[in-house]
Amino acid sequence: MIAQRAWRTDLGRAVAFVIVLAVGVCAQTPSPPPDDPVVDPDRMSPREVQRLFDAFVAMQAQERLQLSETQYPQFLPRLKALLDLRRSSLANRRAMVAELGRASLGGPGGRADETALGEKLRQLRAFDEHAAADLRRAYEAIDQVLDVRQQARFRVFEDQIERRKVELLMRARQNVRKNRALRAPVR
């Protein structure tokens, strides 16, 4: 059991390392050779990075929530469903808001169709309500597996992970800017 937990901790650290590599992709000046067995973050798709991040979240959740061997197999698909739901809801909402933005600019005369805008706003509100209900159900499904202490820890864990993800993304963006400045030809 101790060996199994140590292995999972090592796997979690390895996944975290790969994520940091992928997020900080532009921080590297030379790319590793194509035959290098190390993961090449330059060739990782956003979907692959997201999958690695989800694996990292799952491993960290098991450790932080102190999930039992019977809880973890029940928790994992519910966590994945929550993460997928959040991601798809956010993508769909962004698309709807972008469409709303385009519609609000109006046509060639610059005048927007108020009826169409009202309908798009109604659709956005309905989507938000539906997404919130789906999110509540996803949390309820996770809460069925966890005791009250674990539920509280999960909410705190989620917030910490989200903040950490934002920090990593900000750092990666800073590295991109820094590397562009370093690579820019001097005139």
C-alpha atoms as a PDB file:
ATOM      1  CA  MET A   1       0.000   0.000   0.000  1.00  0.00           C
ATOM      2  CA  ILE A   2       2.807   2.424   0.894  1.00  0.00           C
ATOM      3  CA  ALA A   3       4.670   1.466  -2.289  1.00  0.00           C
ATOM      4  CA  GLN A   4       1.492   2.028  -4.287  1.00  0.00           C
ATOM      5  CA  ARG A   5       0.999   5.517  -2.802  1.00  0.00           C
ATOM      6  CA  ALA A   6       4.666   6.357  -3.446  1.00  0.00           C
ATOM      7  CA  TRP A   7       4.256   5.247  -7.053  1.00  0.00           C
ATOM      8  CA  ARG A   8       1.165   7.412  -7.458  1.00  0.00           C
ATOM      9  CA  THR A   9       2.964  10.372  -5.912  1.00  0.00           C
ATOM     10  CA  ASP A  10       5.871   9.875  -8.320  1.00  0.00           C
ATOM     11  CA  LEU A  11       3.434   9.617 -11.222  1.00  0.00           C
ATOM     12  CA  GLY A  12       1.733  12.810 -10.067  1.00  0.00           C
ATOM     13  CA  ARG A  13       5.074  14.601  -9.948  1.00  0.00           C
ATOM     14  CA  ALA A  14       5.951  13.301 -13.417  1.00  0.00           C
ATOM     15  CA  VAL A  15       2.631  14.526 -14.797  1.00  0.00           C
ATOM     16  CA  ALA A  16       3.196  17.901 -13.124  1.00  0.00           C
ATOM     17  CA  PHE A  17       6.640  18.091 -14.714  1.00  0.00           C
ATOM     18  CA  VAL A  18       5.199  17.378 -18.153  1.00  0.00           C
ATOM     19  CA  ILE A  19       2.519  20.019 -17.629  1.00  0.00           C
ATOM     20  CA  VAL A  20       5.066  22.610 -16.598  1.00  0.00           C
ATOM     21  CA  LEU A  21       7.107  21.696 -19.667  1.00  0.00           C
ATOM     22  CA  ALA A  22       4.086  22.000 -21.918  1.00  0.00           C
ATOM     23  CA  VAL A  23       2.845  25.251 -20.430  1.00  0.00           C
ATOM     24  CA  GLY A  24       6.309  26.767 -20.506  1.00  0.00           C
ATOM     25  CA  VAL A  25       6.869  25.592 -24.067  1.00  0.00           C
ATOM     26  CA  CYS A  26       8.091  28.915 -25.300  1.00  0.00           C
ATOM     27  CA  ALA A  27      10.532  29.296 -22.439  1.00  0.00           C
ATOM     28  CA  GLN A  28      12.815  26.807 -24.158  1.00  0.00           C
ATOM     29  CA  THR A  29      15.113  28.242 -26.749  1.00  0.00           C
ATOM     30  CA  PRO A  30      16.359  25.056 -28.409  1.00  0.00           C
ATOM     31  CA  SER A  31      13.907  22.290 -29.181  1.00  0.00           C
ATOM     32  CA  PRO A  32      14.914  18.768 -28.184  1.00  0.00           C
ATOM     33  CA  PRO A  33      15.870  16.485 -31.054  1.00  0.00           C
ATOM     34  CA  PRO A  34      12.920  14.579 -32.562  1.00  0.00           C
ATOM     35  CA  ASP A  35      14.308  11.213 -31.418  1.00  0.00           C
ATOM     36  CA  ASP A  36      14.604  12.420 -27.821  1.00  0.00           C
ATOM     37  CA  PRO A  37      12.446  10.197 -25.555  1.00  0.00           C
ATOM     38  CA  VAL A  38      11.414  13.217 -23.438  1.00  0.00           C
ATOM     39  CA  VAL A  39       7.989  14.644 -24.285  1.00  0.00           C
ATOM     40  CA  ASP A  40       8.353  17.423 -26.841  1.00  0.00           C
ATOM     41  CA  PRO A  41       6.047  20.210 -25.638  1.00  0.00           C
ATOM     42  CA  ASP A  42       6.340  21.948 -29.020  1.00  0.00           C
ATOM     43  CA  ARG A  43       4.363  19.082 -30.528  1.00  0.00           C
ATOM     44  CA  MET A  44       1.734  18.723 -27.804  1.00  0.00           C
ATOM     45  CA  SER A  45      -1.775  19.737 -28.720  1.00  0.00           C
ATOM     46  CA  PRO A  46      -3.898  21.746 -26.277  1.00  0.00           C
ATOM     47  CA  ARG A  47      -6.022  18.606 -25.840  1.00  0.00           C
ATOM     48  CA  GLU A  48      -2.957  16.593 -24.776  1.00  0.00           C
ATOM     49  CA  VAL A  49      -1.916  19.291 -22.322  1.00  0.00           C
ATOM     50  CA  GLN A  50      -5.463  19.351 -20.923  1.00  0.00           C
ATOM     51  CA  ARG A  51      -5.472  15.555 -20.574  1.00  0.00           C
ATOM     52  CA  LEU A  52      -2.170  15.713 -18.669  1.00  0.00           C
ATOM     53  CA  PHE A  53      -3.514  18.478 -16.454  1.00  0.00           C
ATOM     54  CA  ASP A  54      -6.657  16.443 -15.730  1.00  0.00           C
ATOM     55  CA  ALA A  55      -4.481  13.457 -14.776  1.00  0.00           C
ATOM     56  CA  PHE A  56      -2.477  15.711 -12.488  1.00  0.00           C
ATOM     57  CA  VAL A  57      -5.675  17.027 -10.872  1.00  0.00           C
ATOM     58  CA  ALA A  58      -6.940  13.470 -10.319  1.00  0.00           C
ATOM     59  CA  MET A  59      -3.686  12.369  -8.682  1.00  0.00           C
ATOM     60  CA  GLN A  60      -3.517  15.457  -6.497  1.00  0.00           C
ATOM     61  CA  ALA A  61      -7.174  15.074  -5.500  1.00  0.00           C
ATOM     62  CA  GLN A  62      -6.578  11.509  -4.367  1.00  0.00           C
ATOM     63  CA  GLU A  63      -3.696  12.639  -2.214  1.00  0.00           C
ATOM     64  CA  ARG A  64      -5.218  15.853  -0.842  1.00  0.00           C
ATOM     65  CA  LEU A  65      -8.638  14.353  -0.129  1.00  0.00           C
ATOM     66  CA  GLN A  66      -7.085  11.168   1.247  1.00  0.00           C
ATOM     67  CA  LEU A  67      -9.425   9.033  -0.821  1.00  0.00           C
ATOM     68  CA  SER A  68      -9.648   5.393   0.138  1.00  0.00           C
ATOM     69  CA  GLU A  69      -8.984   2.609  -2.339  1.00  0.00           C
ATOM     70  CA  THR A  70     -12.750   2.100  -2.668  1.00  0.00           C
ATOM     71  CA  GLN A  71     -13.548   5.808  -3.071  1.00  0.00           C
ATOM     72  CA  TYR A  72     -11.026   6.563  -5.812  1.00  0.00           C
ATOM     73  CA  PRO A  73     -12.542   4.388  -8.599  1.00  0.00           C
ATOM     74  CA  GLN A  74     -15.954   5.963  -7.910  1.00  0.00           C
ATOM     75  CA  PHE A  75     -14.532   9.484  -7.615  1.00  0.00           C
ATOM     76  CA  LEU A  76     -12.401   9.471 -10.771  1.00  0.00           C
ATOM     77  CA  PRO A  77     -15.147   9.253 -13.456  1.00  0.00           C
ATOM     78  CA  ARG A  78     -17.217  11.832 -11.577  1.00  0.00           C
ATOM     79  CA  LEU A  79     -14.270  14.203 -11.413  1.00  0.00           C
ATOM     80  CA  LYS A  80     -13.637  13.695 -15.126  1.00  0.00           C
ATOM     81  CA  ALA A  81     -17.303  14.405 -15.856  1.00  0.00           C
ATOM     82  CA  LEU A  82     -17.109  17.632 -13.816  1.00  0.00           C
ATOM     83  CA  LEU A  83     -13.937  18.775 -15.582  1.00  0.00           C
ATOM     84  CA  ASP A  84     -15.380  17.942 -19.015  1.00  0.00           C
ATOM     85  CA  LEU A  85     -18.654  19.693 -18.178  1.00  0.00           C
ATOM     86  CA  ARG A  86     -16.868  22.834 -17.045  1.00  0.00           C
ATOM     87  CA  ARG A  87     -14.683  22.897 -20.135  1.00  0.00           C
ATOM     88  CA  SER A  88     -17.532  22.333 -22.600  1.00  0.00           C
ATOM     89  CA  SER A  89     -19.847  24.797 -20.829  1.00  0.00           C
ATOM     90  CA  LEU A  90     -17.181  27.475 -20.899  1.00  0.00           C
ATOM     91  CA  ALA A  91     -16.433  26.874 -24.596  1.00  0.00           C
ATOM     92  CA  ASN A  92     -20.136  26.943 -25.516  1.00  0.00           C
ATOM     93  CA  ARG A  93     -20.752  30.082 -23.465  1.00  0.00           C
ATOM     94  CA  ARG A  94     -17.794  31.841 -25.067  1.00  0.00           C
ATOM     95  CA  ALA A  95     -19.144  30.959 -28.514  1.00  0.00           C
ATOM     96  CA  MET A  96     -22.587  32.285 -27.604  1.00  0.00           C
ATOM     97  CA  VAL A  97     -21.147  35.526 -26.202  1.00  0.00           C
ATOM     98  CA  ALA A  98     -18.974  35.973 -29.315  1.00  0.00           C
ATOM     99  CA  GLU A  99     -22.063  35.515 -31.484  1.00  0.00           C
ATOM    100  CA  LEU A 100     -23.918  38.014 -29.316  1.00  0.00           C
ATOM    101  CA  GLY A 101     -21.055  40.465 -29.732  1.00  0.00           C
ATOM    102  CA  ARG A 102     -21.111  40.127 -33.508  1.00  0.00           C
ATOM    103  CA  ALA A 103     -24.877  40.524 -33.586  1.00  0.00           C
ATOM    104  CA  SER A 104     -24.730  43.623 -31.381  1.00  0.00           C
ATOM    105  CA  LEU A 105     -22.499  45.373 -33.923  1.00  0.00           C
ATOM    106  CA  GLY A 106     -25.290  45.206 -36.430  1.00  0.00           C
ATOM    107  CA  GLY A 107     -25.200  45.007 -40.183  1.00  0.00           C
ATOM    108  CA  PRO A 108     -23.759  47.371 -42.777  1.00  0.00           C
ATOM    109  CA  GLY A 109     -25.672  50.330 -41.358  1.00  0.00           C
ATOM    110  CA  GLY A 110     -24.331  49.609 -37.891  1.00  0.00           C
ATOM    111  CA  ARG A 111     -27.815  48.991 -36.497  1.00  0.00           C
ATOM    112  CA  ALA A 112     -28.441  45.750 -34.615  1.00  0.00           C
ATOM    113  CA  ASP A 113     -31.721  43.835 -34.862  1.00  0.00           C
ATOM    114  CA  GLU A 114     -33.152  44.279 -31.363  1.00  0.00           C
ATOM    115  CA  THR A 115     -35.466  41.289 -31.678  1.00  0.00           C
ATOM    116  CA  ALA A 116     -32.591  39.011 -32.664  1.00  0.00           C
ATOM    117  CA  LEU A 117     -30.441  40.404 -29.857  1.00  0.00           C
ATOM    118  CA  GLY A 118     -33.221  39.804 -27.337  1.00  0.00           C
ATOM    119  CA  GLU A 119     -33.531  36.211 -28.542  1.00  0.00           C
ATOM    120  CA  LYS A 120     -29.765  35.644 -28.269  1.00  0.00           C
ATOM    121  CA  LEU A 121     -29.791  37.075 -24.741  1.00  0.00           C
ATOM    122  CA  ARG A 122     -32.692  34.780 -23.831  1.00  0.00           C
ATOM    123  CA  GLN A 123     -30.745  31.800 -25.221  1.00  0.00           C
ATOM    124  CA  LEU A 124     -27.665  32.811 -23.228  1.00  0.00           C
ATOM    125  CA  ARG A 125     -29.688  33.087 -20.007  1.00  0.00           C
ATOM    126  CA  ALA A 126     -31.287  29.690 -20.648  1.00  0.00           C
ATOM    127  CA  PHE A 127     -27.868  28.190 -21.341  1.00  0.00           C
ATOM    128  CA  ASP A 128     -26.454  29.676 -18.110  1.00  0.00           C
ATOM    129  CA  GLU A 129     -29.343  28.217 -16.088  1.00  0.00           C
ATOM    130  CA  HIS A 130     -28.976  24.819 -17.742  1.00  0.00           C
ATOM    131  CA  ALA A 131     -25.180  24.820 -17.243  1.00  0.00           C
ATOM    132  CA  ALA A 132     -25.573  25.787 -13.570  1.00  0.00           C
ATOM    133  CA  ALA A 133     -28.030  22.915 -13.031  1.00  0.00           C
ATOM    134  CA  ASP A 134     -25.649  20.475 -14.761  1.00  0.00           C
ATOM    135  CA  LEU A 135     -22.796  21.728 -12.601  1.00  0.00           C
ATOM    136  CA  ARG A 136     -24.878  21.276  -9.424  1.00  0.00           C
ATOM    137  CA  ARG A 137     -25.638  17.681 -10.460  1.00  0.00           C
ATOM    138  CA  ALA A 138     -21.956  17.005 -11.141  1.00  0.00           C
ATOM    139  CA  TYR A 139     -21.032  18.291  -7.677  1.00  0.00           C
ATOM    140  CA  GLU A 140     -23.795  16.216  -6.092  1.00  0.00           C
ATOM    141  CA  ALA A 141     -22.431  13.110  -7.840  1.00  0.00           C
ATOM    142  CA  ILE A 142     -18.955  13.807  -6.446  1.00  0.00           C
ATOM    143  CA  ASP A 143     -20.346  14.572  -2.992  1.00  0.00           C
ATOM    144  CA  GLN A 144     -22.038  11.150  -2.909  1.00  0.00           C
ATOM    145  CA  VAL A 145     -18.583   9.545  -2.841  1.00  0.00           C
ATOM    146  CA  LEU A 146     -16.995  11.909  -0.299  1.00  0.00           C
ATOM    147  CA  ASP A 147     -17.575  12.476   3.387  1.00  0.00           C
ATOM    148  CA  VAL A 148     -18.256  16.045   4.591  1.00  0.00           C
ATOM    149  CA  ARG A 149     -14.597  16.760   5.408  1.00  0.00           C
ATOM    150  CA  GLN A 150     -13.528  15.561   1.956  1.00  0.00           C
ATOM    151  CA  GLN A 151     -16.249  17.655   0.313  1.00  0.00           C
ATOM    152  CA  ALA A 152     -14.892  20.761   2.035  1.00  0.00           C
ATOM    153  CA  ARG A 153     -11.337  19.845   1.096  1.00  0.00           C
ATOM    154  CA  PHE A 154     -12.409  19.269  -2.510  1.00  0.00           C
ATOM    155  CA  ARG A 155     -13.867  22.781  -2.785  1.00  0.00           C
ATOM    156  CA  VAL A 156     -10.658  24.286  -1.368  1.00  0.00           C
ATOM    157  CA  PHE A 157      -8.537  22.033  -3.605  1.00  0.00           C
ATOM    158  CA  GLU A 158     -10.448  23.128  -6.706  1.00  0.00           C
ATOM    159  CA  ASP A 159      -9.841  26.777  -5.912  1.00  0.00           C
ATOM    160  CA  GLN A 160      -6.127  26.161  -5.319  1.00  0.00           C
ATOM    161  CA  ILE A 161      -5.770  24.182  -8.558  1.00  0.00           C
ATOM    162  CA  GLU A 162      -7.561  26.882 -10.544  1.00  0.00           C
ATOM    163  CA  ARG A 163      -5.302  29.583  -9.103  1.00  0.00           C
ATOM    164  CA  ARG A 164      -2.232  27.453  -9.841  1.00  0.00           C
ATOM    165  CA  LYS A 165      -3.383  26.921 -13.425  1.00  0.00           C
ATOM    166  CA  VAL A 166      -3.834  30.670 -13.914  1.00  0.00           C
ATOM    167  CA  GLU A 167      -0.369  31.294 -12.441  1.00  0.00           C
ATOM    168  CA  LEU A 168       1.193  28.760 -14.829  1.00  0.00           C
ATOM    169  CA  LEU A 169      -0.600  30.284 -17.804  1.00  0.00           C
ATOM    170  CA  MET A 170       0.498  33.792 -16.826  1.00  0.00           C
ATOM    171  CA  ARG A 171       4.081  32.587 -16.404  1.00  0.00           C
ATOM    172  CA  ALA A 172       3.958  30.878 -19.792  1.00  0.00           C
ATOM    173  CA  ARG A 173       2.676  34.074 -21.421  1.00  0.00           C
ATOM    174  CA  GLN A 174       5.455  36.068 -19.770  1.00  0.00           C
ATOM    175  CA  ASN A 175       7.987  33.554 -21.078  1.00  0.00           C
ATOM    176  CA  VAL A 176       6.531  33.867 -24.577  1.00  0.00           C
ATOM    177  CA  ARG A 177       6.900  37.640 -24.460  1.00  0.00           C
ATOM    178  CA  LYS A 178      10.391  37.400 -23.027  1.00  0.00           C
ATOM    179  CA  ASN A 179      11.503  34.897 -25.671  1.00  0.00           C
ATOM    180  CA  ARG A 180       9.990  36.969 -28.483  1.00  0.00           C
ATOM    181  CA  ALA A 181      11.931  39.977 -27.243  1.00  0.00           C
ATOM    182  CA  LEU A 182      15.131  37.919 -27.074  1.00  0.00           C
ATOM    183  CA  ARG A 183      14.608  36.442 -30.531  1.00  0.00           C
ATOM    184  CA  ALA A 184      13.621  39.712 -32.189  1.00  0.00           C
ATOM    185  CA  PRO A 185      16.285  40.977 -34.561  1.00  0.00           C
ATOM    186  CA  VAL A 186      18.156  44.017 -33.337  1.00  0.00           C
ATOM    187  CA  ARG A 187      17.763  46.937 -35.739  1.00  0.00           C
END
